[in-house]
Amino acid sequence: MARQICILGYEGVTALDLIGPAETFATANSYAENAYEITIAAVDGQGVRTESGLQILSITKCPAGPFDTIIIPGGEGLRIPKTAAAVAVWIKNEGAKARRIVSVCTGIYGLARTGLLDGRRATTHWRFIADVRREFPDIKLEPDAIFIQDGRFHTSAGITAGIDLSLALIEKDLGPKVSLAVARELVVYIKRPGGQLQYSEPLQFQTRATDKFADLAAWIPTHLKANLSVDAMARRTHLSRRHFTRLFKQTFGIAPGDYVETVRLDEVTRRLALAGQTVESVAGSIGYASREVFRNAFERRYGIAPSSYRQRFSSRVRT
């Protein structure tokens, strides 16, 4: 029997928060027939206009449950007390019957009003952490996480994190091969764990880069097989090795070599999950000349051998 997914729409919803999870679960049906039945519905049964002006005209009133999963997308509409209150009442009435309740981004404003998150761990978009903390002080907010599960409640960070969380839920329901196949179909990162920072290392680097490092910030992630020694990076920024090292650490709070290793290993986890790759080919593709050096670096960071990681997360599902 298909799992019933109800995704709430309301005036002022963020379109991607709503459509992202819907498309992710719908794509899973291509790899596991009749896995999910998805309803996009509104509490009042009216059509809605998204934050970006997209109108969703054909929308129904949320049917009576029980639902397997209820998803509350974020959007400016939930920061309007009247809308948030209506959503909270519906969640209270129907949520008791649901196996799991999910908020995407600022969907937490609707879920938090129910009191169901009090005393629980949760997350939301980094920009709204302080406001949610002020309004709902009993929630144990974790500002850096991509997504968090506490019991049957799942909360996620901003926008595309709703897709990450949807993939994680699909993995729990249908296994890693299906979730990885869905990720490839959607052309998104194969595996972005919930504990990963909302700001990735490359994004933090580019956000904080000064003019002196602007070119380097964009160049490193796309040239991982290149010579990324401290001397090479110093030459690229036209600085002496000593000045480069001091300025880099002063600006970013991390040594240049440690940063390069972090970016390389982040990319390694994605490539290890791809079909047709070996540990040796992945190591060579991101600049590790020695398998031993690569294995030691990988185990130091992830606490597991790269071969074991690949065995756990690789997929041979045909696309």
C-alpha atoms as a PDB file:
ATOM      1  CA  MET A   1       0.000   0.000   0.000  1.00  0.00           C
ATOM      2  CA  ALA A   2       1.281   3.451  -0.911  1.00  0.00           C
ATOM      3  CA  ARG A   3       2.397   5.713   1.914  1.00  0.00           C
ATOM      4  CA  GLN A   4       0.178   8.794   2.100  1.00  0.00           C
ATOM      5  CA  ILE A   5       2.124  12.084   1.955  1.00  0.00           C
ATOM      6  CA  CYS A   6       0.256  15.352   2.593  1.00  0.00           C
ATOM      7  CA  ILE A   7       2.116  18.583   1.781  1.00  0.00           C
ATOM      8  CA  LEU A   8       0.424  21.725   3.066  1.00  0.00           C
ATOM      9  CA  GLY A   9      -0.008  24.770   0.864  1.00  0.00           C
ATOM     10  CA  TYR A  10      -0.966  28.236   2.105  1.00  0.00           C
ATOM     11  CA  GLU A  11      -0.849  31.827   0.921  1.00  0.00           C
ATOM     12  CA  GLY A  12       2.795  32.967   0.912  1.00  0.00           C
ATOM     13  CA  VAL A  13       4.406  29.510   0.848  1.00  0.00           C
ATOM     14  CA  THR A  14       7.916  29.173  -0.611  1.00  0.00           C
ATOM     15  CA  ALA A  15       7.424  27.299  -3.882  1.00  0.00           C
ATOM     16  CA  LEU A  16      10.613  25.237  -3.670  1.00  0.00           C
ATOM     17  CA  ASP A  17       9.853  24.169  -0.093  1.00  0.00           C
ATOM     18  CA  LEU A  18       6.608  22.700  -1.395  1.00  0.00           C
ATOM     19  CA  ILE A  19       7.590  21.419  -4.847  1.00  0.00           C
ATOM     20  CA  GLY A  20      11.044  20.096  -3.849  1.00  0.00           C
ATOM     21  CA  PRO A  21       9.783  17.388  -1.473  1.00  0.00           C
ATOM     22  CA  ALA A  22       6.828  16.634  -3.771  1.00  0.00           C
ATOM     23  CA  GLU A  23       9.096  15.949  -6.749  1.00  0.00           C
ATOM     24  CA  THR A  24      11.526  13.958  -4.622  1.00  0.00           C
ATOM     25  CA  PHE A  25       8.881  11.567  -3.300  1.00  0.00           C
ATOM     26  CA  ALA A  26       7.220  11.375  -6.728  1.00  0.00           C
ATOM     27  CA  THR A  27      10.536  10.420  -8.332  1.00  0.00           C
ATOM     28  CA  ALA A  28      10.884   7.562  -5.843  1.00  0.00           C
ATOM     29  CA  ASN A  29       7.804   6.004  -7.460  1.00  0.00           C
ATOM     30  CA  SER A  30       9.906   5.455 -10.584  1.00  0.00           C
ATOM     31  CA  TYR A  31      12.169   3.092  -8.640  1.00  0.00           C
ATOM     32  CA  ALA A  32       9.693   1.589  -6.169  1.00  0.00           C
ATOM     33  CA  GLU A  33       6.268   1.307  -7.764  1.00  0.00           C
ATOM     34  CA  ASN A  34       3.375   2.764  -5.792  1.00  0.00           C
ATOM     35  CA  ALA A  35       5.650   3.738  -2.906  1.00  0.00           C
ATOM     36  CA  TYR A  36       3.988   7.100  -2.228  1.00  0.00           C
ATOM     37  CA  GLU A  37       0.676   8.825  -2.880  1.00  0.00           C
ATOM     38  CA  ILE A  38       1.245  12.575  -2.707  1.00  0.00           C
ATOM     39  CA  THR A  39      -1.394  15.208  -2.007  1.00  0.00           C
ATOM     40  CA  ILE A  40      -0.648  18.915  -2.157  1.00  0.00           C
ATOM     41  CA  ALA A  41      -3.477  20.523  -0.261  1.00  0.00           C
ATOM     42  CA  ALA A  42      -4.506  23.582   1.717  1.00  0.00           C
ATOM     43  CA  VAL A  43      -6.164  23.739   5.108  1.00  0.00           C
ATOM     44  CA  ASP A  44      -8.994  25.862   3.657  1.00  0.00           C
ATOM     45  CA  GLY A  45      -9.081  24.274   0.202  1.00  0.00           C
ATOM     46  CA  GLN A  46      -8.325  27.581  -1.543  1.00  0.00           C
ATOM     47  CA  GLY A  47      -5.724  28.173  -4.234  1.00  0.00           C
ATOM     48  CA  VAL A  48      -2.516  29.781  -3.042  1.00  0.00           C
ATOM     49  CA  ARG A  49       0.038  32.270  -4.293  1.00  0.00           C
ATOM     50  CA  THR A  50       3.658  31.514  -3.446  1.00  0.00           C
ATOM     51  CA  GLU A  51       6.216  34.036  -2.230  1.00  0.00           C
ATOM     52  CA  SER A  52       7.568  34.318  -5.780  1.00  0.00           C
ATOM     53  CA  GLY A  53       4.115  34.957  -7.278  1.00  0.00           C
ATOM     54  CA  LEU A  54       3.461  31.473  -8.640  1.00  0.00           C
ATOM     55  CA  GLN A  55      -0.234  30.638  -8.377  1.00  0.00           C
ATOM     56  CA  ILE A  56      -1.339  27.125  -7.524  1.00  0.00           C
ATOM     57  CA  LEU A  57      -4.983  27.093  -8.590  1.00  0.00           C
ATOM     58  CA  SER A  58      -5.853  23.392  -8.495  1.00  0.00           C
ATOM     59  CA  ILE A  59      -5.498  22.609  -4.842  1.00  0.00           C
ATOM     60  CA  THR A  60      -7.837  20.679  -2.583  1.00  0.00           C
ATOM     61  CA  LYS A  61      -8.754  20.867   1.044  1.00  0.00           C
ATOM     62  CA  CYS A  62      -6.542  18.509   3.017  1.00  0.00           C
ATOM     63  CA  PRO A  63      -8.367  15.180   3.203  1.00  0.00           C
ATOM     64  CA  ALA A  64      -8.887  13.473   6.511  1.00  0.00           C
ATOM     65  CA  GLY A  65      -6.007  11.251   7.573  1.00  0.00           C
ATOM     66  CA  PRO A  66      -4.460   9.157   8.690  1.00  0.00           C
ATOM     67  CA  PHE A  67      -1.353  10.225   6.810  1.00  0.00           C
ATOM     68  CA  ASP A  68       1.993   8.516   6.810  1.00  0.00           C
ATOM     69  CA  THR A  69       3.802  11.852   6.534  1.00  0.00           C
ATOM     70  CA  ILE A  70       2.719  15.476   6.898  1.00  0.00           C
ATOM     71  CA  ILE A  71       5.059  18.095   5.419  1.00  0.00           C
ATOM     72  CA  ILE A  72       4.827  21.784   6.332  1.00  0.00           C
ATOM     73  CA  PRO A  73       6.800  23.925   3.856  1.00  0.00           C
ATOM     74  CA  GLY A  74       8.229  27.271   4.875  1.00  0.00           C
ATOM     75  CA  GLY A  75       7.249  30.692   3.606  1.00  0.00           C
ATOM     76  CA  GLU A  76       6.471  34.227   4.671  1.00  0.00           C
ATOM     77  CA  GLY A  77       2.807  33.276   5.095  1.00  0.00           C
ATOM     78  CA  LEU A  78       3.589  31.264   8.229  1.00  0.00           C
ATOM     79  CA  ARG A  79       5.019  34.375   9.825  1.00  0.00           C
ATOM     80  CA  ILE A  80       1.502  35.840   9.692  1.00  0.00           C
ATOM     81  CA  PRO A  81      -0.169  34.809  12.987  1.00  0.00           C
ATOM     82  CA  LYS A  82      -3.580  34.022  11.438  1.00  0.00           C
ATOM     83  CA  THR A  83      -2.110  31.634   8.856  1.00  0.00           C
ATOM     84  CA  ALA A  84       0.267  30.018  11.347  1.00  0.00           C
ATOM     85  CA  ALA A  85      -2.586  29.490  13.816  1.00  0.00           C
ATOM     86  CA  ALA A  86      -4.783  27.791  11.188  1.00  0.00           C
ATOM     87  CA  VAL A  87      -1.937  25.485  10.162  1.00  0.00           C
ATOM     88  CA  ALA A  88      -1.148  24.686  13.809  1.00  0.00           C
ATOM     89  CA  VAL A  89      -4.765  23.733  14.534  1.00  0.00           C
ATOM     90  CA  TRP A  90      -4.837  21.389  11.539  1.00  0.00           C
ATOM     91  CA  ILE A  91      -1.530  19.787  12.573  1.00  0.00           C
ATOM     92  CA  LYS A  92      -2.846  19.216  16.091  1.00  0.00           C
ATOM     93  CA  ASN A  93      -5.987  17.587  14.749  1.00  0.00           C
ATOM     94  CA  GLU A  94      -4.375  15.407  12.105  1.00  0.00           C
ATOM     95  CA  GLY A  95      -0.822  15.056  13.390  1.00  0.00           C
ATOM     96  CA  ALA A  96      -1.673  12.531  16.086  1.00  0.00           C
ATOM     97  CA  LYS A  97      -2.510  10.032  13.350  1.00  0.00           C
ATOM     98  CA  ALA A  98       0.658  10.608  11.307  1.00  0.00           C
ATOM     99  CA  ARG A  99       3.754   8.423  11.517  1.00  0.00           C
ATOM    100  CA  ARG A 100       5.968  11.466  11.047  1.00  0.00           C
ATOM    101  CA  ILE A 101       5.635  15.238  10.808  1.00  0.00           C
ATOM    102  CA  VAL A 102       8.137  17.261   8.791  1.00  0.00           C
ATOM    103  CA  SER A 103       8.854  20.987   8.623  1.00  0.00           C
ATOM    104  CA  VAL A 104      10.917  22.482   5.835  1.00  0.00           C
ATOM    105  CA  CYS A 105      12.812  25.710   6.510  1.00  0.00           C
ATOM    106  CA  THR A 106      10.436  28.202   8.203  1.00  0.00           C
ATOM    107  CA  GLY A 107       7.667  25.630   8.217  1.00  0.00           C
ATOM    108  CA  ILE A 108       8.793  25.369  11.833  1.00  0.00           C
ATOM    109  CA  TYR A 109       6.658  28.458  12.617  1.00  0.00           C
ATOM    110  CA  GLY A 110       3.513  26.414  11.990  1.00  0.00           C
ATOM    111  CA  LEU A 111       4.713  23.263  13.722  1.00  0.00           C
ATOM    112  CA  ALA A 112       6.191  25.094  16.714  1.00  0.00           C
ATOM    113  CA  ARG A 113       2.858  26.775  17.475  1.00  0.00           C
ATOM    114  CA  THR A 114       1.385  23.363  18.292  1.00  0.00           C
ATOM    115  CA  GLY A 115       3.777  22.906  21.217  1.00  0.00           C
ATOM    116  CA  LEU A 116       4.710  19.491  19.831  1.00  0.00           C
ATOM    117  CA  LEU A 117       8.362  20.527  19.453  1.00  0.00           C
ATOM    118  CA  ASP A 118       8.739  21.785  23.029  1.00  0.00           C
ATOM    119  CA  GLY A 119      11.739  20.121  24.647  1.00  0.00           C
ATOM    120  CA  ARG A 120      12.805  18.590  21.331  1.00  0.00           C
ATOM    121  CA  ARG A 121      15.808  19.155  19.082  1.00  0.00           C
ATOM    122  CA  ALA A 122      15.058  21.000  15.852  1.00  0.00           C
ATOM    123  CA  THR A 123      16.554  23.236  13.200  1.00  0.00           C
ATOM    124  CA  THR A 124      15.497  25.812  10.628  1.00  0.00           C
ATOM    125  CA  HIS A 125      17.053  28.237   8.165  1.00  0.00           C
ATOM    126  CA  TRP A 126      20.082  29.910   9.723  1.00  0.00           C
ATOM    127  CA  ARG A 127      18.616  33.389   9.078  1.00  0.00           C
ATOM    128  CA  PHE A 128      15.596  32.686  11.301  1.00  0.00           C
ATOM    129  CA  ILE A 129      17.298  30.855  14.165  1.00  0.00           C
ATOM    130  CA  ALA A 130      17.381  33.876  16.482  1.00  0.00           C
ATOM    131  CA  ASP A 131      13.749  34.790  15.815  1.00  0.00           C
ATOM    132  CA  VAL A 132      12.472  31.230  16.309  1.00  0.00           C
ATOM    133  CA  ARG A 133      14.524  30.967  19.486  1.00  0.00           C
ATOM    134  CA  ARG A 134      12.913  34.144  20.860  1.00  0.00           C
ATOM    135  CA  GLU A 135       9.374  33.105  19.929  1.00  0.00           C
ATOM    136  CA  PHE A 136       9.666  29.432  20.910  1.00  0.00           C
ATOM    137  CA  PRO A 137      12.279  29.242  23.708  1.00  0.00           C
ATOM    138  CA  ASP A 138      11.326  25.688  24.724  1.00  0.00           C
ATOM    139  CA  ILE A 139      12.616  24.220  21.447  1.00  0.00           C
ATOM    140  CA  LYS A 140      16.223  23.016  21.481  1.00  0.00           C
ATOM    141  CA  LEU A 141      17.387  24.669  18.265  1.00  0.00           C
ATOM    142  CA  GLU A 142      20.570  23.488  16.553  1.00  0.00           C
ATOM    143  CA  PRO A 143      21.521  26.217  14.081  1.00  0.00           C
ATOM    144  CA  ASP A 144      24.103  24.380  11.954  1.00  0.00           C
ATOM    145  CA  ALA A 145      22.331  21.141  11.033  1.00  0.00           C
ATOM    146  CA  ILE A 146      20.908  20.441   7.566  1.00  0.00           C
ATOM    147  CA  PHE A 147      18.110  18.399   9.142  1.00  0.00           C
ATOM    148  CA  ILE A 148      17.288  16.807  12.490  1.00  0.00           C
ATOM    149  CA  GLN A 149      15.061  13.970  13.665  1.00  0.00           C
ATOM    150  CA  ASP A 150      13.686  13.860  17.179  1.00  0.00           C
ATOM    151  CA  GLY A 151      11.170  11.063  17.555  1.00  0.00           C
ATOM    152  CA  ARG A 152       8.591  11.305  14.785  1.00  0.00           C
ATOM    153  CA  PHE A 153       9.393  14.962  14.156  1.00  0.00           C
ATOM    154  CA  HIS A 154      11.775  15.973  11.385  1.00  0.00           C
ATOM    155  CA  THR A 155      12.908  19.552  10.810  1.00  0.00           C
ATOM    156  CA  SER A 156      15.190  20.918   8.120  1.00  0.00           C
ATOM    157  CA  ALA A 157      17.163  24.019   7.254  1.00  0.00           C
ATOM    158  CA  GLY A 158      16.517  26.331   4.352  1.00  0.00           C
ATOM    159  CA  ILE A 159      15.021  25.658   0.925  1.00  0.00           C
ATOM    160  CA  THR A 160      16.978  22.814  -0.731  1.00  0.00           C
ATOM    161  CA  ALA A 161      17.503  21.120   2.646  1.00  0.00           C
ATOM    162  CA  GLY A 162      13.916  19.925   2.216  1.00  0.00           C
ATOM    163  CA  ILE A 163      15.176  17.762  -0.652  1.00  0.00           C
ATOM    164  CA  ASP A 164      18.023  16.433   1.511  1.00  0.00           C
ATOM    165  CA  LEU A 165      15.559  15.495   4.234  1.00  0.00           C
ATOM    166  CA  SER A 166      13.164  13.915   1.726  1.00  0.00           C
ATOM    167  CA  LEU A 167      16.009  11.750   0.406  1.00  0.00           C
ATOM    168  CA  ALA A 168      16.848  10.681   3.961  1.00  0.00           C
ATOM    169  CA  LEU A 169      13.215   9.698   4.581  1.00  0.00           C
ATOM    170  CA  ILE A 170      13.108   7.750   1.315  1.00  0.00           C
ATOM    171  CA  GLU A 171      16.267   5.934   2.386  1.00  0.00           C
ATOM    172  CA  LYS A 172      14.585   4.905   5.646  1.00  0.00           C
ATOM    173  CA  ASP A 173      11.457   3.767   3.814  1.00  0.00           C
ATOM    174  CA  LEU A 174      12.913   2.107   0.716  1.00  0.00           C
ATOM    175  CA  GLY A 175      16.644   1.696   1.316  1.00  0.00           C
ATOM    176  CA  PRO A 176      19.810   3.482   0.141  1.00  0.00           C
ATOM    177  CA  LYS A 177      19.725   2.210  -3.452  1.00  0.00           C
ATOM    178  CA  VAL A 178      16.408   3.902  -4.160  1.00  0.00           C
ATOM    179  CA  SER A 179      17.354   7.161  -2.425  1.00  0.00           C
ATOM    180  CA  LEU A 180      20.646   7.317  -4.325  1.00  0.00           C
ATOM    181  CA  ALA A 181      18.857   6.640  -7.611  1.00  0.00           C
ATOM    182  CA  VAL A 182      16.398   9.456  -6.859  1.00  0.00           C
ATOM    183  CA  ALA A 183      19.277  11.820  -6.053  1.00  0.00           C
ATOM    184  CA  ARG A 184      20.934  11.036  -9.378  1.00  0.00           C
ATOM    185  CA  GLU A 185      17.623  11.507 -11.212  1.00  0.00           C
ATOM    186  CA  LEU A 186      17.227  14.950  -9.611  1.00  0.00           C
ATOM    187  CA  VAL A 187      20.914  15.771 -10.197  1.00  0.00           C
ATOM    188  CA  VAL A 188      21.503  16.697  -6.562  1.00  0.00           C
ATOM    189  CA  TYR A 189      24.232  15.670  -4.153  1.00  0.00           C
ATOM    190  CA  ILE A 190      24.073  11.962  -3.511  1.00  0.00           C
ATOM    191  CA  LYS A 191      24.511  12.192   0.228  1.00  0.00           C
ATOM    192  CA  ARG A 192      24.408  15.307   2.392  1.00  0.00           C
ATOM    193  CA  PRO A 193      24.076  14.118   5.978  1.00  0.00           C
ATOM    194  CA  GLY A 194      21.883  15.921   8.469  1.00  0.00           C
ATOM    195  CA  GLY A 195      24.824  16.829  10.686  1.00  0.00           C
ATOM    196  CA  GLN A 196      26.607  18.701   7.922  1.00  0.00           C
ATOM    197  CA  LEU A 197      26.862  22.461   8.319  1.00  0.00           C
ATOM    198  CA  GLN A 198      24.247  24.576   6.529  1.00  0.00           C
ATOM    199  CA  TYR A 199      27.188  26.568   5.174  1.00  0.00           C
ATOM    200  CA  SER A 200      29.456  24.173   3.279  1.00  0.00           C
ATOM    201  CA  GLU A 201      33.198  24.755   3.500  1.00  0.00           C
ATOM    202  CA  PRO A 202      33.447  26.129  -0.076  1.00  0.00           C
ATOM    203  CA  LEU A 203      30.466  28.429   0.498  1.00  0.00           C
ATOM    204  CA  GLN A 204      31.881  29.747   3.755  1.00  0.00           C
ATOM    205  CA  PHE A 205      35.194  30.287   2.022  1.00  0.00           C
ATOM    206  CA  GLN A 206      33.674  32.192  -0.893  1.00  0.00           C
ATOM    207  CA  THR A 207      31.427  34.237   1.386  1.00  0.00           C
ATOM    208  CA  ARG A 208      34.343  35.397   3.518  1.00  0.00           C
ATOM    209  CA  ALA A 209      36.906  35.739   0.725  1.00  0.00           C
ATOM    210  CA  THR A 210      38.562  39.085   0.254  1.00  0.00           C
ATOM    211  CA  ASP A 211      39.708  40.335  -3.151  1.00  0.00           C
ATOM    212  CA  LYS A 212      43.050  38.682  -2.481  1.00  0.00           C
ATOM    213  CA  PHE A 213      41.389  35.263  -2.244  1.00  0.00           C
ATOM    214  CA  ALA A 214      38.378  35.694  -4.571  1.00  0.00           C
ATOM    215  CA  ASP A 215      39.916  33.801  -7.504  1.00  0.00           C
ATOM    216  CA  LEU A 216      41.240  31.062  -5.241  1.00  0.00           C
ATOM    217  CA  ALA A 217      37.817  30.567  -3.623  1.00  0.00           C
ATOM    218  CA  ALA A 218      36.198  29.788  -6.965  1.00  0.00           C
ATOM    219  CA  TRP A 219      39.169  27.855  -8.374  1.00  0.00           C
ATOM    220  CA  ILE A 220      39.901  25.256  -5.661  1.00  0.00           C
ATOM    221  CA  PRO A 221      36.612  23.261  -5.738  1.00  0.00           C
ATOM    222  CA  THR A 222      36.853  22.824  -9.526  1.00  0.00           C
ATOM    223  CA  HIS A 223      40.561  21.921  -9.586  1.00  0.00           C
ATOM    224  CA  LEU A 224      40.889  19.315  -6.840  1.00  0.00           C
ATOM    225  CA  LYS A 225      43.298  17.226  -8.917  1.00  0.00           C
ATOM    226  CA  ALA A 226      45.645  20.185  -9.399  1.00  0.00           C
ATOM    227  CA  ASN A 227      48.689  20.997  -7.308  1.00  0.00           C
ATOM    228  CA  LEU A 228      47.090  22.515  -4.208  1.00  0.00           C
ATOM    229  CA  SER A 229      50.200  22.730  -2.073  1.00  0.00           C
ATOM    230  CA  VAL A 230      50.656  25.809   0.052  1.00  0.00           C
ATOM    231  CA  ASP A 231      53.419  26.995  -2.260  1.00  0.00           C
ATOM    232  CA  ALA A 232      51.196  26.618  -5.334  1.00  0.00           C
ATOM    233  CA  MET A 233      48.299  28.474  -3.733  1.00  0.00           C
ATOM    234  CA  ALA A 234      50.627  31.215  -2.515  1.00  0.00           C
ATOM    235  CA  ARG A 235      51.937  31.683  -6.045  1.00  0.00           C
ATOM    236  CA  ARG A 236      48.391  31.886  -7.381  1.00  0.00           C
ATOM    237  CA  THR A 237      47.588  34.731  -4.980  1.00  0.00           C
ATOM    238  CA  HIS A 238      50.963  36.428  -5.614  1.00  0.00           C
ATOM    239  CA  LEU A 239      51.976  36.180  -1.972  1.00  0.00           C
ATOM    240  CA  SER A 240      54.949  34.690  -0.242  1.00  0.00           C
ATOM    241  CA  ARG A 241      54.337  31.320   1.412  1.00  0.00           C
ATOM    242  CA  ARG A 242      54.658  32.809   4.883  1.00  0.00           C
ATOM    243  CA  HIS A 243      52.383  35.784   4.180  1.00  0.00           C
ATOM    244  CA  PHE A 244      49.822  33.578   2.413  1.00  0.00           C
ATOM    245  CA  THR A 245      49.671  31.064   5.272  1.00  0.00           C
ATOM    246  CA  ARG A 246      49.310  33.764   7.908  1.00  0.00           C
ATOM    247  CA  LEU A 247      46.659  35.722   5.984  1.00  0.00           C
ATOM    248  CA  PHE A 248      44.681  32.589   5.048  1.00  0.00           C
ATOM    249  CA  LYS A 249      44.470  31.367   8.635  1.00  0.00           C
ATOM    250  CA  GLN A 250      43.704  34.860   9.910  1.00  0.00           C
ATOM    251  CA  THR A 251      40.834  35.229   7.425  1.00  0.00           C
ATOM    252  CA  PHE A 252      39.307  31.750   7.529  1.00  0.00           C
ATOM    253  CA  GLY A 253      40.390  30.301  10.856  1.00  0.00           C
ATOM    254  CA  ILE A 254      41.877  27.182   9.262  1.00  0.00           C
ATOM    255  CA  ALA A 255      45.265  26.295   7.791  1.00  0.00           C
ATOM    256  CA  PRO A 256      45.386  26.153   3.961  1.00  0.00           C
ATOM    257  CA  GLY A 257      46.312  22.468   3.870  1.00  0.00           C
ATOM    258  CA  ASP A 258      43.505  21.525   6.256  1.00  0.00           C
ATOM    259  CA  TYR A 259      41.012  23.422   4.144  1.00  0.00           C
ATOM    260  CA  VAL A 260      42.087  21.654   0.946  1.00  0.00           C
ATOM    261  CA  GLU A 261      41.808  18.278   2.644  1.00  0.00           C
ATOM    262  CA  THR A 262      38.294  19.114   3.863  1.00  0.00           C
ATOM    263  CA  VAL A 263      37.087  20.118   0.390  1.00  0.00           C
ATOM    264  CA  ARG A 264      38.657  17.051  -1.204  1.00  0.00           C
ATOM    265  CA  LEU A 265      37.124  14.658   1.303  1.00  0.00           C
ATOM    266  CA  ASP A 266      33.684  16.280   0.948  1.00  0.00           C
ATOM    267  CA  GLU A 267      33.865  15.588  -2.776  1.00  0.00           C
ATOM    268  CA  VAL A 268      35.169  12.073  -2.166  1.00  0.00           C
ATOM    269  CA  THR A 269      31.993  11.065  -0.302  1.00  0.00           C
ATOM    270  CA  ARG A 270      29.909  12.083  -3.299  1.00  0.00           C
ATOM    271  CA  ARG A 271      32.092  10.253  -5.833  1.00  0.00           C
ATOM    272  CA  LEU A 272      32.364   7.081  -3.766  1.00  0.00           C
ATOM    273  CA  ALA A 273      28.595   6.692  -4.024  1.00  0.00           C
ATOM    274  CA  LEU A 274      28.635   6.732  -7.834  1.00  0.00           C
ATOM    275  CA  ALA A 275      28.392   3.485  -9.749  1.00  0.00           C
ATOM    276  CA  GLY A 276      31.475   2.383 -11.672  1.00  0.00           C
ATOM    277  CA  GLN A 277      33.968   4.064  -9.344  1.00  0.00           C
ATOM    278  CA  THR A 278      36.699   2.408  -7.299  1.00  0.00           C
ATOM    279  CA  VAL A 279      38.463   3.728  -4.235  1.00  0.00           C
ATOM    280  CA  GLU A 280      41.642   4.101  -6.316  1.00  0.00           C
ATOM    281  CA  SER A 281      39.949   5.995  -9.142  1.00  0.00           C
ATOM    282  CA  VAL A 282      38.212   8.357  -6.735  1.00  0.00           C
ATOM    283  CA  ALA A 283      41.403   9.020  -4.778  1.00  0.00           C
ATOM    284  CA  GLY A 284      43.296   9.828  -7.974  1.00  0.00           C
ATOM    285  CA  SER A 285      40.508  12.016  -9.349  1.00  0.00           C
ATOM    286  CA  ILE A 286      40.725  14.472  -6.473  1.00  0.00           C
ATOM    287  CA  GLY A 287      44.483  14.668  -6.180  1.00  0.00           C
ATOM    288  CA  TYR A 288      45.673  11.862  -3.870  1.00  0.00           C
ATOM    289  CA  ALA A 289      48.678  10.170  -5.468  1.00  0.00           C
ATOM    290  CA  SER A 290      48.932   7.559  -2.691  1.00  0.00           C
ATOM    291  CA  ARG A 291      46.067   5.285  -1.639  1.00  0.00           C
ATOM    292  CA  GLU A 292      47.605   5.046   1.820  1.00  0.00           C
ATOM    293  CA  VAL A 293      47.622   8.816   2.328  1.00  0.00           C
ATOM    294  CA  PHE A 294      44.052   8.998   1.081  1.00  0.00           C
ATOM    295  CA  ARG A 295      42.865   6.150   3.327  1.00  0.00           C
ATOM    296  CA  ASN A 296      44.484   7.679   6.396  1.00  0.00           C
ATOM    297  CA  ALA A 297      42.931  11.099   5.704  1.00  0.00           C
ATOM    298  CA  PHE A 298      39.495   9.571   5.084  1.00  0.00           C
ATOM    299  CA  GLU A 299      39.548   7.436   8.232  1.00  0.00           C
ATOM    300  CA  ARG A 300      40.803  10.344  10.305  1.00  0.00           C
ATOM    301  CA  ARG A 301      37.802  12.425   9.297  1.00  0.00           C
ATOM    302  CA  TYR A 302      34.983   9.876   8.963  1.00  0.00           C
ATOM    303  CA  GLY A 303      36.133   7.049  11.233  1.00  0.00           C
ATOM    304  CA  ILE A 304      35.526   4.448   8.532  1.00  0.00           C
ATOM    305  CA  ALA A 305      37.581   3.019   5.662  1.00  0.00           C
ATOM    306  CA  PRO A 306      36.727   4.427   2.211  1.00  0.00           C
ATOM    307  CA  SER A 307      36.022   0.914   0.940  1.00  0.00           C
ATOM    308  CA  SER A 308      33.497   0.376   3.746  1.00  0.00           C
ATOM    309  CA  TYR A 309      31.884   3.747   3.040  1.00  0.00           C
ATOM    310  CA  ARG A 310      31.575   2.891  -0.635  1.00  0.00           C
ATOM    311  CA  GLN A 311      30.071  -0.511   0.148  1.00  0.00           C
ATOM    312  CA  ARG A 312      27.465   1.101   2.363  1.00  0.00           C
ATOM    313  CA  PHE A 313      26.422   4.003   0.145  1.00  0.00           C
ATOM    314  CA  SER A 314      27.125   3.006  -3.460  1.00  0.00           C
ATOM    315  CA  SER A 315      24.192   2.108  -5.654  1.00  0.00           C
ATOM    316  CA  ARG A 316      23.843  -0.102  -8.681  1.00  0.00           C
ATOM    317  CA  VAL A 317      20.257   0.895  -9.400  1.00  0.00           C
ATOM    318  CA  ARG A 318      19.904   1.526 -13.134  1.00  0.00           C
ATOM    319  CA  THR A 319      18.750   4.958 -14.194  1.00  0.00           C
END
